[in-house]
Amino acid sequence: MAVRYFIGERCVGCGGCRSVCPEKCIGGTGHPLRIDDKRCIRCGRCALACPRRAIVRKDEEVTV
């Protein structure tokens, strides 16, 4: 299973998630912000930092 994080419609663009991301992979202007999935290390810090709980974890099956 692969874990991915998504920023949903609850996002108001406050940037709290951006400030804690060690890979600086959260960007965009306005809301919702976007996570660059190729750079994301899936640490979950963004989800923990979001005051609106706009960042959700999705477990997905990986096909090889």
N, C-alpha and C. Protein backbone atom coordinates (compact mmCIF):
# COMPACT_ATOMS: atom_id res chain seq x y z
N MET A 1 0.84 -1.19 0.00
CA MET A 1 0.00 0.00 0.00
C MET A 1 0.89 1.25 0.00
N ALA A 2 0.52 2.20 -0.80
CA ALA A 2 1.21 3.48 -0.83
C ALA A 2 0.35 4.51 -0.13
N VAL A 3 0.97 5.43 0.54
CA VAL A 3 0.25 6.49 1.24
C VAL A 3 0.46 7.78 0.47
N ARG A 4 -0.63 8.50 0.26
CA ARG A 4 -0.56 9.81 -0.38
C ARG A 4 -1.37 10.77 0.45
N TYR A 5 -0.99 12.02 0.41
CA TYR A 5 -1.75 13.06 1.11
C TYR A 5 -2.36 14.00 0.09
N PHE A 6 -3.58 14.42 0.35
CA PHE A 6 -4.30 15.34 -0.52
C PHE A 6 -4.82 16.51 0.30
N ILE A 7 -4.82 17.68 -0.30
CA ILE A 7 -5.37 18.87 0.34
C ILE A 7 -6.76 19.09 -0.25
N GLY A 8 -7.75 19.06 0.62
CA GLY A 8 -9.13 19.16 0.17
C GLY A 8 -9.69 20.57 0.21
N GLU A 9 -10.97 20.66 -0.02
CA GLU A 9 -11.67 21.94 -0.12
C GLU A 9 -11.73 22.73 1.19
N ARG A 10 -11.47 22.09 2.30
CA ARG A 10 -11.45 22.82 3.58
C ARG A 10 -10.28 23.79 3.68
N CYS A 11 -9.29 23.62 2.82
CA CYS A 11 -8.09 24.46 2.83
C CYS A 11 -8.46 25.92 2.59
N VAL A 12 -7.91 26.80 3.44
CA VAL A 12 -8.12 28.24 3.27
C VAL A 12 -6.83 28.94 2.86
N GLY A 13 -5.78 28.16 2.58
CA GLY A 13 -4.52 28.73 2.11
C GLY A 13 -3.69 29.41 3.17
N CYS A 14 -3.82 29.01 4.43
CA CYS A 14 -3.09 29.68 5.53
C CYS A 14 -1.58 29.43 5.48
N GLY A 15 -1.16 28.30 4.90
CA GLY A 15 0.26 28.00 4.77
C GLY A 15 0.88 27.29 5.95
N GLY A 16 0.09 26.92 6.94
CA GLY A 16 0.63 26.19 8.09
C GLY A 16 1.30 24.90 7.68
N CYS A 17 0.73 24.22 6.72
CA CYS A 17 1.30 22.97 6.22
C CYS A 17 2.63 23.23 5.50
N ARG A 18 2.66 24.29 4.76
CA ARG A 18 3.86 24.64 3.98
C ARG A 18 5.05 24.90 4.90
N SER A 19 4.80 25.51 6.03
CA SER A 19 5.89 25.88 6.94
C SER A 19 6.52 24.67 7.64
N VAL A 20 5.82 23.53 7.72
CA VAL A 20 6.37 22.36 8.40
C VAL A 20 6.87 21.29 7.44
N CYS A 21 6.64 21.47 6.16
CA CYS A 21 7.04 20.45 5.19
C CYS A 21 8.56 20.44 5.01
N PRO A 22 9.23 19.32 5.35
CA PRO A 22 10.69 19.27 5.23
C PRO A 22 11.18 19.28 3.78
N GLU A 23 10.33 18.90 2.84
CA GLU A 23 10.71 18.84 1.43
C GLU A 23 10.24 20.06 0.65
N LYS A 24 9.52 20.96 1.30
CA LYS A 24 9.00 22.18 0.65
C LYS A 24 8.23 21.82 -0.62
N CYS A 25 7.37 20.81 -0.50
CA CYS A 25 6.65 20.34 -1.69
C CYS A 25 5.20 20.82 -1.73
N ILE A 26 4.83 21.74 -0.85
CA ILE A 26 3.47 22.26 -0.86
C ILE A 26 3.50 23.67 -1.44
N GLY A 27 2.68 23.89 -2.44
CA GLY A 27 2.72 25.18 -3.10
C GLY A 27 1.37 25.58 -3.66
N GLY A 28 1.42 26.60 -4.45
CA GLY A 28 0.21 27.13 -5.06
C GLY A 28 -0.18 28.44 -4.42
N THR A 29 -1.14 29.08 -5.04
CA THR A 29 -1.67 30.31 -4.48
C THR A 29 -3.16 30.11 -4.25
N GLY A 30 -3.69 30.80 -3.30
CA GLY A 30 -5.10 30.63 -3.00
C GLY A 30 -5.35 29.32 -2.28
N HIS A 31 -6.48 28.75 -2.54
CA HIS A 31 -6.80 27.49 -1.90
C HIS A 31 -7.67 26.64 -2.81
N PRO A 32 -7.57 25.35 -2.77
CA PRO A 32 -6.64 24.61 -1.92
C PRO A 32 -5.22 24.66 -2.47
N LEU A 33 -4.27 24.58 -1.55
CA LEU A 33 -2.87 24.47 -1.94
C LEU A 33 -2.67 23.09 -2.56
N ARG A 34 -1.51 22.85 -3.12
CA ARG A 34 -1.24 21.57 -3.79
C ARG A 34 0.02 20.92 -3.22
N ILE A 35 0.01 19.61 -3.16
CA ILE A 35 1.18 18.84 -2.74
C ILE A 35 1.81 18.24 -4.00
N ASP A 36 3.12 18.47 -4.17
CA ASP A 36 3.86 17.86 -5.28
C ASP A 36 4.15 16.42 -4.88
N ASP A 37 3.38 15.50 -5.41
CA ASP A 37 3.46 14.10 -5.01
C ASP A 37 4.82 13.47 -5.30
N LYS A 38 5.51 13.98 -6.30
CA LYS A 38 6.82 13.42 -6.65
C LYS A 38 7.89 13.77 -5.62
N ARG A 39 7.72 14.89 -4.93
CA ARG A 39 8.70 15.32 -3.92
C ARG A 39 8.29 14.95 -2.50
N CYS A 40 7.03 14.63 -2.30
CA CYS A 40 6.50 14.34 -0.97
C CYS A 40 7.11 13.05 -0.42
N ILE A 41 7.58 13.08 0.84
CA ILE A 41 8.15 11.89 1.48
C ILE A 41 7.13 11.20 2.38
N ARG A 42 5.90 11.71 2.40
CA ARG A 42 4.78 11.12 3.13
C ARG A 42 5.00 11.04 4.63
N CYS A 43 5.56 12.09 5.18
CA CYS A 43 5.83 12.12 6.63
C CYS A 43 4.59 12.47 7.45
N GLY A 44 3.61 13.14 6.84
CA GLY A 44 2.38 13.47 7.53
C GLY A 44 2.41 14.73 8.36
N ARG A 45 3.52 15.43 8.37
CA ARG A 45 3.62 16.67 9.17
C ARG A 45 2.61 17.71 8.73
N CYS A 46 2.35 17.75 7.44
CA CYS A 46 1.40 18.73 6.92
C CYS A 46 0.00 18.48 7.48
N ALA A 47 -0.41 17.22 7.51
CA ALA A 47 -1.74 16.88 8.02
C ALA A 47 -1.87 17.23 9.49
N LEU A 48 -0.82 17.00 10.25
CA LEU A 48 -0.84 17.33 11.67
C LEU A 48 -0.88 18.83 11.92
N ALA A 49 -0.27 19.60 11.03
CA ALA A 49 -0.19 21.04 11.21
C ALA A 49 -1.43 21.79 10.75
N CYS A 50 -2.26 21.16 9.95
CA CYS A 50 -3.41 21.85 9.37
C CYS A 50 -4.50 22.10 10.41
N PRO A 51 -4.80 23.37 10.70
CA PRO A 51 -5.83 23.66 11.71
C PRO A 51 -7.25 23.34 11.24
N ARG A 52 -7.44 23.23 9.94
CA ARG A 52 -8.78 22.95 9.39
C ARG A 52 -8.98 21.49 9.01
N ARG A 53 -7.94 20.67 9.25
CA ARG A 53 -7.98 19.25 8.90
C ARG A 53 -8.34 19.05 7.43
N ALA A 54 -7.74 19.88 6.60
CA ALA A 54 -8.00 19.83 5.16
C ALA A 54 -7.13 18.81 4.45
N ILE A 55 -6.09 18.32 5.12
CA ILE A 55 -5.17 17.38 4.48
C ILE A 55 -5.51 15.98 4.94
N VAL A 56 -5.81 15.14 3.96
CA VAL A 56 -6.23 13.78 4.28
C VAL A 56 -5.25 12.78 3.69
N ARG A 57 -5.14 11.67 4.37
CA ARG A 57 -4.29 10.59 3.94
C ARG A 57 -5.14 9.59 3.17
N LYS A 58 -4.61 9.15 2.05
CA LYS A 58 -5.30 8.14 1.26
C LYS A 58 -4.34 6.98 1.03
N ASP A 59 -4.76 5.81 1.43
CA ASP A 59 -3.97 4.60 1.18
C ASP A 59 -4.43 4.03 -0.15
N GLU A 60 -3.47 3.73 -1.00
CA GLU A 60 -3.81 3.24 -2.32
C GLU A 60 -3.03 1.97 -2.61
N GLU A 61 -3.64 1.09 -3.36
CA GLU A 61 -2.92 -0.08 -3.81
C GLU A 61 -1.96 0.32 -4.91
N VAL A 62 -0.77 -0.23 -4.85
CA VAL A 62 0.24 0.06 -5.87
C VAL A 62 0.30 -1.12 -6.81
N THR A 63 0.14 -0.85 -8.09
CA THR A 63 0.26 -1.91 -9.08
C THR A 63 1.62 -1.79 -9.75
N VAL A 64 2.28 -2.91 -9.90
CA VAL A 64 3.63 -2.91 -10.48
C VAL A 64 3.58 -3.43 -11.88
